[in-house]
Each structure stands twice: as C-alpha cells, then as structure tokens.
PDB file of N, CA and C in Angstrom:
ATOM      1  N   MET A   1     105.894 133.666 103.593  1.00  0.00           N
ATOM      2  CA  MET A   1     105.176 132.420 103.783  1.00  0.00           C
ATOM      3  C   MET A   1     105.865 131.613 104.876  1.00  0.00           C
ATOM      4  N   ARG A   2     105.075 130.879 105.581  1.00  0.00           N
ATOM      5  CA  ARG A   2     105.601 130.023 106.646  1.00  0.00           C
ATOM      6  C   ARG A   2     106.001 128.660 106.077  1.00  0.00           C
ATOM      7  N   SER A   3     106.760 127.916 106.870  1.00  0.00           N
ATOM      8  CA  SER A   3     107.323 126.647 106.371  1.00  0.00           C
ATOM      9  C   SER A   3     106.244 125.668 105.934  1.00  0.00           C
ATOM     10  N   TRP A   4     105.152 125.546 106.687  1.00  0.00           N
ATOM     11  CA  TRP A   4     104.128 124.573 106.314  1.00  0.00           C
ATOM     12  C   TRP A   4     103.433 124.976 105.020  1.00  0.00           C
ATOM     13  N   GLN A   5     103.335 126.286 104.758  1.00  0.00           N
ATOM     14  CA  GLN A   5     102.725 126.739 103.515  1.00  0.00           C
ATOM     15  C   GLN A   5     103.620 126.409 102.319  1.00  0.00           C
ATOM     16  N   ILE A   6     104.921 126.582 102.493  1.00  0.00           N
ATOM     17  CA  ILE A   6     105.858 126.253 101.422  1.00  0.00           C
ATOM     18  C   ILE A   6     105.810 124.761 101.119  1.00  0.00           C
ATOM     19  N   VAL A   7     105.738 123.935 102.169  1.00  0.00           N
ATOM     20  CA  VAL A   7     105.652 122.479 101.983  1.00  0.00           C
ATOM     21  C   VAL A   7     104.413 122.131 101.172  1.00  0.00           C
ATOM     22  N   HIS A   8     103.285 122.726 101.492  1.00  0.00           N
ATOM     23  CA  HIS A   8     102.049 122.436 100.761  1.00  0.00           C
ATOM     24  C   HIS A   8     102.128 122.889  99.306  1.00  0.00           C
ATOM     25  N   VAL A   9     102.700 124.059  99.064  1.00  0.00           N
ATOM     26  CA  VAL A   9     102.825 124.562  97.693  1.00  0.00           C
ATOM     27  C   VAL A   9     103.747 123.657  96.873  1.00  0.00           C
ATOM     28  N   VAL A  10     104.886 123.287  97.441  1.00  0.00           N
ATOM     29  CA  VAL A  10     105.837 122.428  96.721  1.00  0.00           C
ATOM     30  C   VAL A  10     105.232 121.048  96.463  1.00  0.00           C
ATOM     31  N   ALA A  11     104.570 120.472  97.477  1.00  0.00           N
ATOM     32  CA  ALA A  11     103.956 119.148  97.297  1.00  0.00           C
ATOM     33  C   ALA A  11     102.876 119.195  96.216  1.00  0.00           C
ATOM     34  N   GLY A  12     102.045 120.213  96.240  1.00  0.00           N
ATOM     35  CA  GLY A  12     101.008 120.353  95.220  1.00  0.00           C
ATOM     36  C   GLY A  12     101.588 120.511  93.826  1.00  0.00           C
ATOM     37  N   ALA A  13     102.651 121.310  93.709  1.00  0.00           N
ATOM     38  CA  ALA A  13     103.307 121.510  92.414  1.00  0.00           C
ATOM     39  C   ALA A  13     103.930 120.205  91.919  1.00  0.00           C
ATOM     40  N   PHE A  14     104.573 119.450  92.835  1.00  0.00           N
ATOM     41  CA  PHE A  14     105.166 118.167  92.448  1.00  0.00           C
ATOM     42  C   PHE A  14     104.104 117.190  91.969  1.00  0.00           C
ATOM     43  N   VAL A  15     102.971 117.134  92.651  1.00  0.00           N
ATOM     44  CA  VAL A  15     101.897 116.211  92.255  1.00  0.00           C
ATOM     45  C   VAL A  15     101.366 116.583  90.867  1.00  0.00           C
ATOM     46  N   LEU A  16     101.083 117.861  90.658  1.00  0.00           N
ATOM     47  CA  LEU A  16     100.547 118.280  89.361  1.00  0.00           C
ATOM     48  C   LEU A  16     101.552 118.060  88.236  1.00  0.00           C
ATOM     49  N   LEU A  17     102.817 118.386  88.488  1.00  0.00           N
ATOM     50  CA  LEU A  17     103.838 118.196  87.463  1.00  0.00           C
ATOM     51  C   LEU A  17     104.043 116.717  87.140  1.00  0.00           C
ATOM     52  N   SER A  18     104.126 115.881  88.166  1.00  0.00           N
ATOM     53  CA  SER A  18     104.348 114.453  87.911  1.00  0.00           C
ATOM     54  C   SER A  18     103.143 113.803  87.240  1.00  0.00           C
ATOM     55  N   LEU A  19     101.940 114.277  87.540  1.00  0.00           N
ATOM     56  CA  LEU A  19     100.768 113.769  86.822  1.00  0.00           C
ATOM     57  C   LEU A  19     100.829 114.177  85.355  1.00  0.00           C
ATOM     58  N   GLY A  20     101.212 115.424  85.094  1.00  0.00           N
ATOM     59  CA  GLY A  20     101.336 115.887  83.721  1.00  0.00           C
ATOM     60  C   GLY A  20     102.376 115.103  82.938  1.00  0.00           C
ATOM     61  N   LEU A  21     103.476 114.756  83.602  1.00  0.00           N
ATOM     62  CA  LEU A  21     104.542 114.015  82.936  1.00  0.00           C
ATOM     63  C   LEU A  21     104.237 112.522  82.814  1.00  0.00           C
ATOM     64  N   GLY A  22     103.301 112.014  83.644  1.00  0.00           N
ATOM     65  CA  GLY A  22     103.056 110.578  83.680  1.00  0.00           C
ATOM     66  C   GLY A  22     101.787 110.088  83.031  1.00  0.00           C
ATOM     67  N   ILE A  23     100.862 110.968  82.713  1.00  0.00           N
ATOM     68  CA  ILE A  23      99.597 110.556  82.098  1.00  0.00           C
ATOM     69  C   ILE A  23      99.672 110.746  80.589  1.00  0.00           C
ATOM     70  N   GLU A  24      99.384 109.700  79.851  1.00  0.00           N
ATOM     71  CA  GLU A  24      99.561 109.705  78.393  1.00  0.00           C
ATOM     72  C   GLU A  24      98.723 110.763  77.677  1.00  0.00           C
ATOM     73  N   ALA A  25      97.591 111.150  78.228  1.00  0.00           N
ATOM     74  CA  ALA A  25      96.739 112.141  77.576  1.00  0.00           C
ATOM     75  C   ALA A  25      97.273 113.562  77.739  1.00  0.00           C
ATOM     76  N   SER A  26      98.291 113.736  78.557  1.00  0.00           N
ATOM     77  CA  SER A  26      98.852 115.058  78.822  1.00  0.00           C
ATOM     78  C   SER A  26      99.735 115.523  77.662  1.00  0.00           C
ATOM     79  N   PRO A  27      99.714 116.821  77.366  1.00  0.00           N
ATOM     80  CA  PRO A  27     100.586 117.323  76.298  1.00  0.00           C
ATOM     81  C   PRO A  27     102.077 117.321  76.682  1.00  0.00           C
ATOM     82  N   ILE A  28     102.394 117.188  77.956  1.00  0.00           N
ATOM     83  CA  ILE A  28     103.798 117.157  78.387  1.00  0.00           C
ATOM     84  C   ILE A  28     104.223 115.748  78.823  1.00  0.00           C
ATOM     85  N   PHE A  29     103.486 114.733  78.369  1.00  0.00           N
ATOM     86  CA  PHE A  29     103.776 113.344  78.743  1.00  0.00           C
ATOM     87  C   PHE A  29     105.205 112.960  78.374  1.00  0.00           C
ATOM     88  N   VAL A  30     105.895 112.294  79.328  1.00  0.00           N
ATOM     89  CA  VAL A  30     107.236 111.780  79.080  1.00  0.00           C
ATOM     90  C   VAL A  30     107.245 110.268  79.248  1.00  0.00           C
ATOM     91  N   ASN A  31     106.807 109.802  80.437  1.00  0.00           N
ATOM     92  CA  ASN A  31     106.870 108.383  80.750  1.00  0.00           C
ATOM     93  C   ASN A  31     105.899 108.100  81.892  1.00  0.00           C
ATOM     94  N   ALA A  32     105.225 106.975  81.846  1.00  0.00           N
ATOM     95  CA  ALA A  32     104.256 106.616  82.887  1.00  0.00           C
ATOM     96  C   ALA A  32     104.915 106.388  84.246  1.00  0.00           C
ATOM     97  N   ASN A  33     106.217 106.167  84.270  1.00  0.00           N
ATOM     98  CA  ASN A  33     106.905 105.960  85.548  1.00  0.00           C
ATOM     99  C   ASN A  33     106.914 107.206  86.434  1.00  0.00           C
ATOM    100  N   PHE A  34     106.603 108.381  85.885  1.00  0.00           N
ATOM    101  CA  PHE A  34     106.495 109.585  86.705  1.00  0.00           C
ATOM    102  C   PHE A  34     105.354 109.471  87.712  1.00  0.00           C
ATOM    103  N   LEU A  35     104.416 108.563  87.475  1.00  0.00           N
ATOM    104  CA  LEU A  35     103.326 108.360  88.431  1.00  0.00           C
ATOM    105  C   LEU A  35     103.850 107.801  89.749  1.00  0.00           C
ATOM    106  N   TRP A  36     105.009 107.129  89.736  1.00  0.00           N
ATOM    107  CA  TRP A  36     105.625 106.656  90.985  1.00  0.00           C
ATOM    108  C   TRP A  36     106.024 107.842  91.854  1.00  0.00           C
ATOM    109  N   PHE A  37     106.435 108.937  91.233  1.00  0.00           N
ATOM    110  CA  PHE A  37     106.790 110.130  91.999  1.00  0.00           C
ATOM    111  C   PHE A  37     105.547 110.724  92.656  1.00  0.00           C
ATOM    112  N   THR A  38     104.418 110.681  91.960  1.00  0.00           N
ATOM    113  CA  THR A  38     103.156 111.134  92.543  1.00  0.00           C
ATOM    114  C   THR A  38     102.830 110.310  93.780  1.00  0.00           C
ATOM    115  N   ALA A  39     102.989 108.989  93.690  1.00  0.00           N
ATOM    116  CA  ALA A  39     102.741 108.105  94.835  1.00  0.00           C
ATOM    117  C   ALA A  39     103.711 108.400  95.977  1.00  0.00           C
ATOM    118  N   PHE A  40     104.970 108.696  95.668  1.00  0.00           N
ATOM    119  CA  PHE A  40     105.974 109.026  96.683  1.00  0.00           C
ATOM    120  C   PHE A  40     105.587 110.291  97.437  1.00  0.00           C
ATOM    121  N   VAL A  41     105.160 111.317  96.719  1.00  0.00           N
ATOM    122  CA  VAL A  41     104.746 112.566  97.369  1.00  0.00           C
ATOM    123  C   VAL A  41     103.524 112.318  98.240  1.00  0.00           C
ATOM    124  N   GLY A  42     102.567 111.556  97.747  1.00  0.00           N
ATOM    125  CA  GLY A  42     101.376 111.237  98.540  1.00  0.00           C
ATOM    126  C   GLY A  42     101.709 110.457  99.789  1.00  0.00           C
ATOM    127  N   ALA A  43     102.616 109.492  99.688  1.00  0.00           N
ATOM    128  CA  ALA A  43     103.030 108.718 100.861  1.00  0.00           C
ATOM    129  C   ALA A  43     103.725 109.602 101.889  1.00  0.00           C
ATOM    130  N   ASN A  44     104.534 110.544 101.428  1.00  0.00           N
ATOM    131  CA  ASN A  44     105.189 111.456 102.355  1.00  0.00           C
ATOM    132  C   ASN A  44     104.186 112.380 103.039  1.00  0.00           C
ATOM    133  N   LEU A  45     103.183 112.837 102.316  1.00  0.00           N
ATOM    134  CA  LEU A  45     102.140 113.652 102.927  1.00  0.00           C
ATOM    135  C   LEU A  45     101.361 112.863 103.970  1.00  0.00           C
ATOM    136  N   LEU A  46     101.060 111.613 103.661  1.00  0.00           N
ATOM    137  CA  LEU A  46     100.373 110.744 104.613  1.00  0.00           C
ATOM    138  C   LEU A  46     101.221 110.533 105.864  1.00  0.00           C
ATOM    139  N   GLN A  47     102.496 110.236 105.675  1.00  0.00           N
ATOM    140  CA  GLN A  47     103.415 110.009 106.801  1.00  0.00           C
ATOM    141  C   GLN A  47     103.519 111.261 107.672  1.00  0.00           C
ATOM    142  N   SER A  48     103.640 112.440 107.065  1.00  0.00           N
ATOM    143  CA  SER A  48     103.783 113.656 107.864  1.00  0.00           C
ATOM    144  C   SER A  48     102.486 113.996 108.593  1.00  0.00           C
ATOM    145  N   GLY A  49     101.357 113.639 108.014  1.00  0.00           N
ATOM    146  CA  GLY A  49     100.084 113.872 108.695  1.00  0.00           C
ATOM    147  C   GLY A  49      99.893 112.974 109.901  1.00  0.00           C
ATOM    148  N   ILE A  50     100.401 111.751 109.809  1.00  0.00           N
ATOM    149  CA  ILE A  50     100.265 110.798 110.920  1.00  0.00           C
ATOM    150  C   ILE A  50     101.292 111.073 112.015  1.00  0.00           C
ATOM    151  N   THR A  51     102.542 111.317 111.624  1.00  0.00           N
ATOM    152  CA  THR A  51     103.617 111.469 112.613  1.00  0.00           C
ATOM    153  C   THR A  51     103.826 112.913 113.059  1.00  0.00           C
ATOM    154  N   LYS A  52     103.234 113.874 112.337  1.00  0.00           N
ATOM    155  CA  LYS A  52     103.412 115.308 112.604  1.00  0.00           C
ATOM    156  C   LYS A  52     104.874 115.728 112.472  1.00  0.00           C
ATOM    157  N   TRP A  53     105.615 115.065 111.566  1.00  0.00           N
ATOM    158  CA  TRP A  53     107.005 115.421 111.274  1.00  0.00           C
ATOM    159  C   TRP A  53     107.221 115.379 109.775  1.00  0.00           C
ATOM    160  N   CYS A  54     107.863 116.427 109.258  1.00  0.00           N
ATOM    161  CA  CYS A  54     108.142 116.518 107.825  1.00  0.00           C
ATOM    162  C   CYS A  54     109.586 116.979 107.649  1.00  0.00           C
ATOM    163  N   LEU A  55     110.374 116.207 106.909  1.00  0.00           N
ATOM    164  CA  LEU A  55     111.778 116.530 106.693  1.00  0.00           C
ATOM    165  C   LEU A  55     111.948 117.876 106.001  1.00  0.00           C
ATOM    166  N   MET A  56     111.149 118.139 104.987  1.00  0.00           N
ATOM    167  CA  MET A  56     111.286 119.402 104.260  1.00  0.00           C
ATOM    168  C   MET A  56     111.011 120.592 105.170  1.00  0.00           C
ATOM    169  N   GLU A  57     110.022 120.479 106.036  1.00  0.00           N
ATOM    170  CA  GLU A  57     109.717 121.569 106.961  1.00  0.00           C
ATOM    171  C   GLU A  57     110.871 121.768 107.945  1.00  0.00           C
ATOM    172  N   SER A  58     111.469 120.685 108.398  1.00  0.00           N
ATOM    173  CA  SER A  58     112.630 120.790 109.289  1.00  0.00           C
ATOM    174  C   SER A  58     113.789 121.503 108.597  1.00  0.00           C
ATOM    175  N   ILE A  59     114.018 121.179 107.338  1.00  0.00           N
ATOM    176  CA  ILE A  59     115.095 121.816 106.574  1.00  0.00           C
ATOM    177  C   ILE A  59     114.797 123.310 106.375  1.00  0.00           C
ATOM    178  N   LEU A  60     113.556 123.622 106.043  1.00  0.00           N
ATOM    179  CA  LEU A  60     113.184 125.033 105.846  1.00  0.00           C
ATOM    180  C   LEU A  60     113.362 125.837 107.129  1.00  0.00           C
ATOM    181  N   ARG A  61     113.003 125.266 108.265  1.00  0.00           N
ATOM    182  CA  ARG A  61     113.185 125.978 109.539  1.00  0.00           C
ATOM    183  C   ARG A  61     114.648 126.217 109.833  1.00  0.00           C
ATOM    184  N   LYS A  62     115.524 125.239 109.504  1.00  0.00           N
ATOM    185  CA  LYS A  62     116.964 125.431 109.705  1.00  0.00           C
ATOM    186  C   LYS A  62     117.519 126.511 108.778  1.00  0.00           C
ATOM    187  N   LEU A  63     116.861 126.724 107.642  1.00  0.00           N
ATOM    188  CA  LEU A  63     117.269 127.773 106.708  1.00  0.00           C
ATOM    189  C   LEU A  63     116.714 129.135 107.103  1.00  0.00           C
ATOM    190  N   GLY A  64     115.922 129.176 108.183  1.00  0.00           N
ATOM    191  CA  GLY A  64     115.426 130.446 108.691  1.00  0.00           C
ATOM    192  C   GLY A  64     114.000 130.790 108.347  1.00  0.00           C
ATOM    193  N   VAL A  65     113.299 129.888 107.695  1.00  0.00           N
ATOM    194  CA  VAL A  65     111.902 130.140 107.361  1.00  0.00           C
ATOM    195  C   VAL A  65     111.069 129.984 108.632  1.00  0.00           C
ATOM    196  N   GLN A  66     110.138 130.906 108.839  1.00  0.00           N
ATOM    197  CA  GLN A  66     109.325 130.891 110.046  1.00  0.00           C
ATOM    198  C   GLN A  66     108.336 129.732 110.012  1.00  0.00           C
ATOM    199  N   GLY A  67     108.202 129.032 111.129  1.00  0.00           N
ATOM    200  CA  GLY A  67     107.263 127.913 111.238  1.00  0.00           C
ATOM    201  C   GLY A  67     105.965 128.350 111.889  1.00  0.00           C
ATOM    202  N   GLY A  68     105.147 127.387 112.228  1.00  0.00           N
ATOM    203  CA  GLY A  68     103.890 127.669 112.946  1.00  0.00           C
ATOM    204  C   GLY A  68     102.747 128.028 112.041  1.00  0.00           C
ATOM    205  N   CYS A  69     101.610 128.350 112.679  1.00  0.00           N
ATOM    206  CA  CYS A  69     100.378 128.666 111.939  1.00  0.00           C
ATOM    207  C   CYS A  69     100.299 130.089 111.482  1.00  0.00           C
TER     208      CYS A  69
END
C-alpha cells in the first residue's frame, strides 16, 4: 500500500473507533469526550486537503513507504 492509502485507512479506523467509544448507544461506549478525537481527525483531514500536506504521510515516507498515486 502507498502512503496516502495508509493515511486514509488509519483515519477511517480512528473515526469509526472514536465514534464507537463516544456514542452512548454503542456497545463499546466509554465516554462522550471521545467525540473530540473524531473532530480532531476530521480537522486534520480538512487541513491536509486544503494545504496538500499531511504529517503522517511525511512520516510514512521517511520510514520507506512508497508515496504517490
């Protein structure tokens, strides 16, 4: 997998997990404050879409993961 694909998979997993942990109707509910993490991931996705720069992708490329389309 390329770096941008890993970023999308991790971001999607973080959003789903934090929603599960933050919504009271969920069987894995812990605390509603986990919804702040969902907002943080969304804000980072918005920022990377506007600026075309993502810290996680930069780190993955330095670790040797192939970038590009």
